[in-house]
Structure formats: C-alpha cells, structure tokens
PDB file of N, CA and C in Angstrom:
ATOM      1  N   UNK A   1      96.545 115.326 102.739  1.00  0.00           N
ATOM      2  CA  UNK A   1      96.628 114.318 102.901  1.00  0.00           C
ATOM      3  C   UNK A   1      96.646 113.235 102.133  1.00  0.00           C
ATOM      4  N   UNK A   2      96.678 112.473 101.168  1.00  0.00           N
ATOM      5  CA  UNK A   2      95.908 111.333 100.559  1.00  0.00           C
ATOM      6  C   UNK A   2      95.225 110.334 101.362  1.00  0.00           C
ATOM      7  N   UNK A   3      95.880 110.087 102.414  1.00  0.00           N
ATOM      8  CA  UNK A   3      95.354 109.396 103.761  1.00  0.00           C
ATOM      9  C   UNK A   3      93.701 110.065 104.296  1.00  0.00           C
ATOM     10  N   UNK A   4      94.063 110.969 104.327  1.00  0.00           N
ATOM     11  CA  UNK A   4      92.723 111.562 104.814  1.00  0.00           C
ATOM     12  C   UNK A   4      91.942 111.705 103.943  1.00  0.00           C
ATOM     13  N   UNK A   5      92.178 112.083 102.479  1.00  0.00           N
ATOM     14  CA  UNK A   5      91.153 112.131 101.822  1.00  0.00           C
ATOM     15  C   UNK A   5      90.542 110.223 101.176  1.00  0.00           C
ATOM     16  N   UNK A   6      91.282 109.578 101.750  1.00  0.00           N
ATOM     17  CA  UNK A   6      90.944 108.094 101.427  1.00  0.00           C
ATOM     18  C   UNK A   6      89.850 108.027 102.315  1.00  0.00           C
ATOM     19  N   UNK A   7      90.457 107.900 103.944  1.00  0.00           N
ATOM     20  CA  UNK A   7      89.201 107.797 104.652  1.00  0.00           C
ATOM     21  C   UNK A   7      87.752 109.014 104.744  1.00  0.00           C
ATOM     22  N   UNK A   8      88.042 109.615 104.296  1.00  0.00           N
ATOM     23  CA  UNK A   8      86.554 110.560 103.862  1.00  0.00           C
ATOM     24  C   UNK A   8      86.091 110.321 103.010  1.00  0.00           C
ATOM     25  N   UNK A   9      86.674 109.862 102.083  1.00  0.00           N
ATOM     26  CA  UNK A   9      85.782 109.181 100.898  1.00  0.00           C
ATOM     27  C   UNK A   9      85.179 107.884 101.265  1.00  0.00           C
ATOM     28  N   UNK A  10      85.753 107.055 102.513  1.00  0.00           N
ATOM     29  CA  UNK A  10      84.837 106.069 102.865  1.00  0.00           C
ATOM     30  C   UNK A  10      83.763 106.054 103.612  1.00  0.00           C
ATOM     31  N   UNK A  11      84.028 106.973 104.256  1.00  0.00           N
ATOM     32  CA  UNK A  11      82.969 107.820 105.439  1.00  0.00           C
ATOM     33  C   UNK A  11      81.618 108.384 104.678  1.00  0.00           C
ATOM     34  N   UNK A  12      82.171 109.139 104.050  1.00  0.00           N
ATOM     35  CA  UNK A  12      80.951 109.942 102.888  1.00  0.00           C
ATOM     36  C   UNK A  12      80.406 108.755 101.632  1.00  0.00           C
ATOM     37  N   UNK A  13      80.937 107.719 101.489  1.00  0.00           N
ATOM     38  CA  UNK A  13      80.271 106.926 101.021  1.00  0.00           C
ATOM     39  C   UNK A  13      79.508 105.557 101.929  1.00  0.00           C
ATOM     40  N   UNK A  14      79.846 105.696 102.726  1.00  0.00           N
ATOM     41  CA  UNK A  14      78.926 104.492 103.711  1.00  0.00           C
ATOM     42  C   UNK A  14      79.553 103.035 103.007  1.00  0.00           C
ATOM     43  N   UNK A  15      80.795 103.422 102.810  1.00  0.00           N
ATOM     44  CA  UNK A  15      81.458 101.758 102.413  1.00  0.00           C
ATOM     45  C   UNK A  15      81.687 101.294 103.474  1.00  0.00           C
ATOM     46  N   UNK A  16      81.740 101.787 104.635  1.00  0.00           N
ATOM     47  CA  UNK A  16      82.653 101.562 106.082  1.00  0.00           C
ATOM     48  C   UNK A  16      81.908 102.195 107.058  1.00  0.00           C
ATOM     49  N   UNK A  17      81.730 101.507 107.794  1.00  0.00           N
ATOM     50  CA  UNK A  17      81.492 102.027 109.286  1.00  0.00           C
ATOM     51  C   UNK A  17      82.988 102.083 110.123  1.00  0.00           C
ATOM     52  N   UNK A  18      83.648 103.274 110.710  1.00  0.00           N
ATOM     53  CA  UNK A  18      84.697 103.282 111.233  1.00  0.00           C
ATOM     54  C   UNK A  18      84.796 102.680 113.255  1.00  0.00           C
ATOM     55  N   UNK A  19      84.881 101.766 113.027  1.00  0.00           N
ATOM     56  CA  UNK A  19      84.965 101.396 114.800  1.00  0.00           C
ATOM     57  C   UNK A  19      85.909 102.306 115.474  1.00  0.00           C
ATOM     58  N   UNK A  20      86.803 103.004 114.942  1.00  0.00           N
ATOM     59  CA  UNK A  20      88.068 104.122 115.469  1.00  0.00           C
ATOM     60  C   UNK A  20      87.848 105.142 114.989  1.00  0.00           C
ATOM     61  N   UNK A  21      88.284 106.254 115.823  1.00  0.00           N
ATOM     62  CA  UNK A  21      88.241 107.756 115.595  1.00  0.00           C
ATOM     63  C   UNK A  21      88.948 107.559 114.365  1.00  0.00           C
ATOM     64  N   UNK A  22      88.492 108.717 113.175  1.00  0.00           N
ATOM     65  CA  UNK A  22      89.136 109.545 111.911  1.00  0.00           C
ATOM     66  C   UNK A  22      91.168 109.193 111.973  1.00  0.00           C
ATOM     67  N   UNK A  23      91.357 110.117 112.971  1.00  0.00           N
ATOM     68  CA  UNK A  23      92.556 110.138 112.872  1.00  0.00           C
ATOM     69  C   UNK A  23      93.294 108.871 112.958  1.00  0.00           C
ATOM     70  N   UNK A  24      92.624 107.857 114.085  1.00  0.00           N
ATOM     71  CA  UNK A  24      93.767 106.477 114.007  1.00  0.00           C
ATOM     72  C   UNK A  24      93.546 105.575 113.050  1.00  0.00           C
ATOM     73  N   UNK A  25      92.418 106.080 112.099  1.00  0.00           N
ATOM     74  CA  UNK A  25      92.163 105.227 110.752  1.00  0.00           C
ATOM     75  C   UNK A  25      93.261 105.925 109.787  1.00  0.00           C
ATOM     76  N   UNK A  26      93.176 107.110 109.759  1.00  0.00           N
ATOM     77  CA  UNK A  26      93.675 107.659 108.705  1.00  0.00           C
ATOM     78  C   UNK A  26      95.393 107.502 109.089  1.00  0.00           C
ATOM     79  N   UNK A  27      95.527 107.522 109.885  1.00  0.00           N
ATOM     80  CA  UNK A  27      97.278 107.030 110.508  1.00  0.00           C
ATOM     81  C   UNK A  27      97.742 105.759 109.825  1.00  0.00           C
ATOM     82  N   UNK A  28      96.664 104.544 110.004  1.00  0.00           N
ATOM     83  CA  UNK A  28      96.799 103.298 109.788  1.00  0.00           C
ATOM     84  C   UNK A  28      97.201 103.091 108.278  1.00  0.00           C
ATOM     85  N   UNK A  29      96.003 104.192 107.444  1.00  0.00           N
ATOM     86  CA  UNK A  29      95.942 104.365 106.361  1.00  0.00           C
ATOM     87  C   UNK A  29      97.189 105.010 105.669  1.00  0.00           C
ATOM     88  N   UNK A  30      97.567 105.886 106.661  1.00  0.00           N
ATOM     89  CA  UNK A  30      98.564 106.410 105.946  1.00  0.00           C
ATOM     90  C   UNK A  30     100.002 105.294 105.761  1.00  0.00           C
ATOM     91  N   UNK A  31     100.129 104.169 106.447  1.00  0.00           N
ATOM     92  CA  UNK A  31     101.221 103.371 106.931  1.00  0.00           C
ATOM     93  C   UNK A  31     101.129 102.842 105.889  1.00  0.00           C
ATOM     94  N   UNK A  32      99.402 102.090 105.806  1.00  0.00           N
ATOM     95  CA  UNK A  32      99.574 101.134 104.399  1.00  0.00           C
ATOM     96  C   UNK A  32      99.944 102.096 103.301  1.00  0.00           C
ATOM     97  N   UNK A  33      99.927 102.754 103.228  1.00  0.00           N
ATOM     98  CA  UNK A  33     100.080 103.973 101.961  1.00  0.00           C
ATOM     99  C   UNK A  33     101.620 103.922 101.532  1.00  0.00           C
ATOM    100  N   UNK A  34     102.141 104.425 102.471  1.00  0.00           N
ATOM    101  CA  UNK A  34     103.703 104.758 102.619  1.00  0.00           C
ATOM    102  C   UNK A  34     104.318 102.889 102.476  1.00  0.00           C
ATOM    103  N   UNK A  35     103.801 101.928 102.894  1.00  0.00           N
ATOM    104  CA  UNK A  35     104.574 101.230 102.512  1.00  0.00           C
ATOM    105  C   UNK A  35     104.527  99.803 101.476  1.00  0.00           C
ATOM    106  N   UNK A  36     102.835 100.892 100.980  1.00  0.00           N
ATOM    107  CA  UNK A  36     103.463 100.367  99.511  1.00  0.00           C
ATOM    108  C   UNK A  36     103.998 100.924  98.206  1.00  0.00           C
ATOM    109  N   UNK A  37     104.207 102.824  99.061  1.00  0.00           N
ATOM    110  CA  UNK A  37     104.702 103.413  98.003  1.00  0.00           C
ATOM    111  C   UNK A  37     106.475 103.200  97.869  1.00  0.00           C
ATOM    112  N   UNK A  38     106.846 102.654  99.417  1.00  0.00           N
ATOM    113  CA  UNK A  38     108.228 101.582  99.067  1.00  0.00           C
ATOM    114  C   UNK A  38     108.838 100.388  98.599  1.00  0.00           C
ATOM    115  N   UNK A  39     107.763  99.973  97.899  1.00  0.00           N
ATOM    116  CA  UNK A  39     107.638  98.620  97.591  1.00  0.00           C
ATOM    117  C   UNK A  39     109.210  98.581  96.725  1.00  0.00           C
ATOM    118  N   UNK A  40     108.884  99.226  95.656  1.00  0.00           N
ATOM    119  CA  UNK A  40     110.117  99.476  94.849  1.00  0.00           C
ATOM    120  C   UNK A  40     111.444  99.747  95.594  1.00  0.00           C
ATOM    121  N   UNK A  41     111.334 100.590  96.336  1.00  0.00           N
ATOM    122  CA  UNK A  41     112.408 101.615  96.833  1.00  0.00           C
ATOM    123  C   UNK A  41     113.305 100.201  97.664  1.00  0.00           C
ATOM    124  N   UNK A  42     112.669  99.290  98.151  1.00  0.00           N
ATOM    125  CA  UNK A  42     112.957  97.952  99.061  1.00  0.00           C
ATOM    126  C   UNK A  42     113.699  97.251  98.165  1.00  0.00           C
ATOM    127  N   UNK A  43     112.967  96.710  96.701  1.00  0.00           N
ATOM    128  CA  UNK A  43     112.986  95.817  95.762  1.00  0.00           C
ATOM    129  C   UNK A  43     114.662  96.691  95.541  1.00  0.00           C
ATOM    130  N   UNK A  44     114.633  97.779  95.232  1.00  0.00           N
ATOM    131  CA  UNK A  44     115.551  98.341  94.108  1.00  0.00           C
ATOM    132  C   UNK A  44     117.048  98.197  95.103  1.00  0.00           C
ATOM    133  N   UNK A  45     116.938  97.708  96.424  1.00  0.00           N
ATOM    134  CA  UNK A  45     117.699  98.551  97.252  1.00  0.00           C
ATOM    135  C   UNK A  45     118.484  96.731  97.784  1.00  0.00           C
ATOM    136  N   UNK A  46     117.718  95.926  97.761  1.00  0.00           N
ATOM    137  CA  UNK A  46     117.899  94.508  97.591  1.00  0.00           C
ATOM    138  C   UNK A  46     118.532  94.475  96.416  1.00  0.00           C
ATOM    139  N   UNK A  47     118.130  94.537  95.005  1.00  0.00           N
ATOM    140  CA  UNK A  47     118.985  94.000  94.046  1.00  0.00           C
ATOM    141  C   UNK A  47     120.318  94.485  94.180  1.00  0.00           C
ATOM    142  N   UNK A  48     120.257  95.768  94.217  1.00  0.00           N
ATOM    143  CA  UNK A  48     121.743  96.595  94.676  1.00  0.00           C
ATOM    144  C   UNK A  48     122.642  95.342  96.043  1.00  0.00           C
ATOM    145  N   UNK A  49     121.919  95.033  96.234  1.00  0.00           N
ATOM    146  CA  UNK A  49     123.104  94.165  97.429  1.00  0.00           C
ATOM    147  C   UNK A  49     123.555  92.524  96.848  1.00  0.00           C
ATOM    148  N   UNK A  50     122.227  92.382  96.125  1.00  0.00           N
ATOM    149  CA  UNK A  50     122.561  90.986  95.322  1.00  0.00           C
ATOM    150  C   UNK A  50     123.385  91.654  94.703  1.00  0.00           C
ATOM    151  N   UNK A  51     123.814  92.777  93.793  1.00  0.00           N
ATOM    152  CA  UNK A  51     124.663  93.055  92.620  1.00  0.00           C
ATOM    153  C   UNK A  51     126.137  92.731  93.143  1.00  0.00           C
ATOM    154  N   UNK A  52     126.172  93.728  94.467  1.00  0.00           N
ATOM    155  CA  UNK A  52     127.451  93.991  95.019  1.00  0.00           C
ATOM    156  C   UNK A  52     128.518  92.110  94.653  1.00  0.00           C
ATOM    157  N   UNK A  53     127.951  90.936  94.656  1.00  0.00           N
ATOM    158  CA  UNK A  53     128.316  90.133  94.847  1.00  0.00           C
ATOM    159  C   UNK A  53     129.491  89.544  93.377  1.00  0.00           C
ATOM    160  N   UNK A  54     128.831  90.900  91.674  1.00  0.00           N
ATOM    161  CA  UNK A  54     129.205  90.660  90.918  1.00  0.00           C
ATOM    162  C   UNK A  54     130.256  92.011  90.502  1.00  0.00           C
ATOM    163  N   UNK A  55     130.349  92.680  91.770  1.00  0.00           N
ATOM    164  CA  UNK A  55     131.218  94.067  91.262  1.00  0.00           C
ATOM    165  C   UNK A  55     132.292  94.378  90.281  1.00  0.00           C
ATOM    166  N   UNK A  56     132.955  92.980  91.156  1.00  0.00           N
ATOM    167  CA  UNK A  56     134.512  92.991  90.061  1.00  0.00           C
ATOM    168  C   UNK A  56     134.003  92.485  89.029  1.00  0.00           C
ATOM    169  N   UNK A  57     133.574  91.651  88.348  1.00  0.00           N
ATOM    170  CA  UNK A  57     133.341  91.726  87.094  1.00  0.00           C
ATOM    171  C   UNK A  57     132.641  93.041  86.357  1.00  0.00           C
ATOM    172  N   UNK A  58     131.276  94.082  87.155  1.00  0.00           N
ATOM    173  CA  UNK A  58     130.952  94.876  86.622  1.00  0.00           C
ATOM    174  C   UNK A  58     132.229  95.998  86.340  1.00  0.00           C
ATOM    175  N   UNK A  59     132.542  95.796  87.327  1.00  0.00           N
ATOM    176  CA  UNK A  59     134.352  97.034  86.920  1.00  0.00           C
ATOM    177  C   UNK A  59     135.084  97.207  86.248  1.00  0.00           C
ATOM    178  N   UNK A  60     135.182  95.363  85.815  1.00  0.00           N
ATOM    179  CA  UNK A  60     135.908  95.261  84.580  1.00  0.00           C
ATOM    180  C   UNK A  60     135.577  95.272  83.193  1.00  0.00           C
ATOM    181  N   UNK A  61     133.973  95.751  82.938  1.00  0.00           N
ATOM    182  CA  UNK A  61     133.190  95.710  81.842  1.00  0.00           C
ATOM    183  C   UNK A  61     132.861  93.964  81.662  1.00  0.00           C
ATOM    184  N   UNK A  62     133.030  93.316  82.126  1.00  0.00           N
ATOM    185  CA  UNK A  62     132.809  91.618  81.651  1.00  0.00           C
ATOM    186  C   UNK A  62     130.892  91.883  81.795  1.00  0.00           C
ATOM    187  N   UNK A  63     130.372  92.209  82.595  1.00  0.00           N
ATOM    188  CA  UNK A  63     129.034  92.633  82.983  1.00  0.00           C
ATOM    189  C   UNK A  63     128.478  93.967  83.073  1.00  0.00           C
ATOM    190  N   UNK A  64     127.341  93.756  82.650  1.00  0.00           N
ATOM    191  CA  UNK A  64     126.826  95.260  82.207  1.00  0.00           C
ATOM    192  C   UNK A  64     125.808  95.673  83.282  1.00  0.00           C
ATOM    193  N   UNK A  65     125.949  96.040  84.526  1.00  0.00           N
ATOM    194  CA  UNK A  65     125.120  97.120  85.416  1.00  0.00           C
ATOM    195  C   UNK A  65     123.863  96.613  85.528  1.00  0.00           C
ATOM    196  N   UNK A  66     123.762  98.009  84.408  1.00  0.00           N
ATOM    197  CA  UNK A  66     122.050  98.328  84.328  1.00  0.00           C
ATOM    198  C   UNK A  66     121.511  97.249  83.363  1.00  0.00           C
ATOM    199  N   UNK A  67     121.967  96.186  83.022  1.00  0.00           N
ATOM    200  CA  UNK A  67     121.296  94.716  82.387  1.00  0.00           C
ATOM    201  C   UNK A  67     121.071  94.234  83.361  1.00  0.00           C
ATOM    202  N   UNK A  68     122.049  93.731  84.032  1.00  0.00           N
ATOM    203  CA  UNK A  68     122.174  93.052  85.177  1.00  0.00           C
ATOM    204  C   UNK A  68     121.140  93.390  86.525  1.00  0.00           C
ATOM    205  N   UNK A  69     121.129  94.794  86.879  1.00  0.00           N
ATOM    206  CA  UNK A  69     120.164  95.268  87.267  1.00  0.00           C
ATOM    207  C   UNK A  69     119.125  94.359  86.919  1.00  0.00           C
ATOM    208  N   UNK A  70     118.153  95.322  85.694  1.00  0.00           N
ATOM    209  CA  UNK A  70     116.859  95.043  85.298  1.00  0.00           C
ATOM    210  C   UNK A  70     116.250  93.678  85.481  1.00  0.00           C
ATOM    211  N   UNK A  71     117.316  92.674  84.745  1.00  0.00           N
ATOM    212  CA  UNK A  71     117.505  91.058  84.815  1.00  0.00           C
ATOM    213  C   UNK A  71     117.264  90.875  86.565  1.00  0.00           C
ATOM    214  N   UNK A  72     117.249  91.386  87.227  1.00  0.00           N
ATOM    215  CA  UNK A  72     117.486  90.486  88.529  1.00  0.00           C
ATOM    216  C   UNK A  72     115.919  90.901  89.279  1.00  0.00           C
ATOM    217  N   UNK A  73     115.597  92.338  88.919  1.00  0.00           N
ATOM    218  CA  UNK A  73     114.809  92.898  89.488  1.00  0.00           C
ATOM    219  C   UNK A  73     113.012  92.599  88.642  1.00  0.00           C
ATOM    220  N   UNK A  74     113.218  92.178  87.684  1.00  0.00           N
ATOM    221  CA  UNK A  74     112.290  91.064  86.954  1.00  0.00           C
ATOM    222  C   UNK A  74     112.062  90.178  86.917  1.00  0.00           C
ATOM    223  N   UNK A  75     113.429  89.599  87.720  1.00  0.00           N
ATOM    224  CA  UNK A  75     113.234  87.998  88.492  1.00  0.00           C
ATOM    225  C   UNK A  75     112.595  87.779  89.613  1.00  0.00           C
ATOM    226  N   UNK A  76     113.027  89.050  90.403  1.00  0.00           N
ATOM    227  CA  UNK A  76     112.483  89.301  91.921  1.00  0.00           C
ATOM    228  C   UNK A  76     110.981  89.219  91.882  1.00  0.00           C
ATOM    229  N   UNK A  77     110.639  90.126  90.792  1.00  0.00           N
ATOM    230  CA  UNK A  77     109.030  90.625  90.841  1.00  0.00           C
ATOM    231  C   UNK A  77     108.141  89.184  90.981  1.00  0.00           C
ATOM    232  N   UNK A  78     108.541  88.709  89.517  1.00  0.00           N
ATOM    233  CA  UNK A  78     108.317  87.751  88.982  1.00  0.00           C
ATOM    234  C   UNK A  78     107.944  86.067  90.082  1.00  0.00           C
ATOM    235  N   UNK A  79     109.278  86.421  90.902  1.00  0.00           N
ATOM    236  CA  UNK A  79     108.901  85.235  91.919  1.00  0.00           C
ATOM    237  C   UNK A  79     108.396  85.732  93.070  1.00  0.00           C
ATOM    238  N   UNK A  80     107.808  86.934  93.682  1.00  0.00           N
ATOM    239  CA  UNK A  80     107.585  87.440  94.258  1.00  0.00           C
ATOM    240  C   UNK A  80     105.746  88.144  94.145  1.00  0.00           C
ATOM    241  N   UNK A  81     106.011  87.704  93.211  1.00  0.00           N
ATOM    242  CA  UNK A  81     104.552  88.739  92.870  1.00  0.00           C
ATOM    243  C   UNK A  81     104.309  90.038  92.928  1.00  0.00           C
ATOM    244  N   UNK A  82     105.094  90.708  92.796  1.00  0.00           N
ATOM    245  CA  UNK A  82     104.986  92.128  93.145  1.00  0.00           C
ATOM    246  C   UNK A  82     104.631  93.041  92.065  1.00  0.00           C
ATOM    247  N   UNK A  83     103.751  93.935  92.352  1.00  0.00           N
ATOM    248  CA  UNK A  83     103.091  94.915  91.340  1.00  0.00           C
ATOM    249  C   UNK A  83     103.734  96.179  91.595  1.00  0.00           C
ATOM    250  N   UNK A  84     104.069  96.358  90.912  1.00  0.00           N
ATOM    251  CA  UNK A  84     105.570  97.954  90.969  1.00  0.00           C
ATOM    252  C   UNK A  84     103.952  99.106  89.934  1.00  0.00           C
TER     253      UNK A  84
END
C-alpha cells in the first residue's frame, strides 16, 4: 500500500516524529491520497451534471459534447486552481 510506504519513508528519514501509532497515521495518509486521486473523478461528474442543461442541444447536434465537456472542465480547473 502506497500510504504505508509513505509513512515508512518519513519515519526512516527522520523527517517527522509520529505522535500517533503508524496504523493511525497510515490511515490518515491513505485518506489524503485517495481524496487527491478522486479530484478528477469528482470534477468530471460535476461537468456531466452541468452539461445536462444542454442535453437537448447536444442531442440535436448543435453542440459537441466532447468539446463542451473539455471546455467546461478547463474552466472549472482554472477557476478552482485544481492540479490534475
């Protein structure tokens, strides 16, 4: 597990001293890593929700879904300073 390796690396390098047991710290690190990995998934889901408003125009061929998706995603990334 990557979170265990991160904690072990920190402990071995003396970069920090743990104030909780390794299992608890590993659990917290695991949550942080998982949340970071899910940022793009949550953003994609939000873009899909936004684009539902334009569903009729997309189906009629007036708007290109892929292009609209990419533009909307880029806009949200810029506005929120998200790093993907």
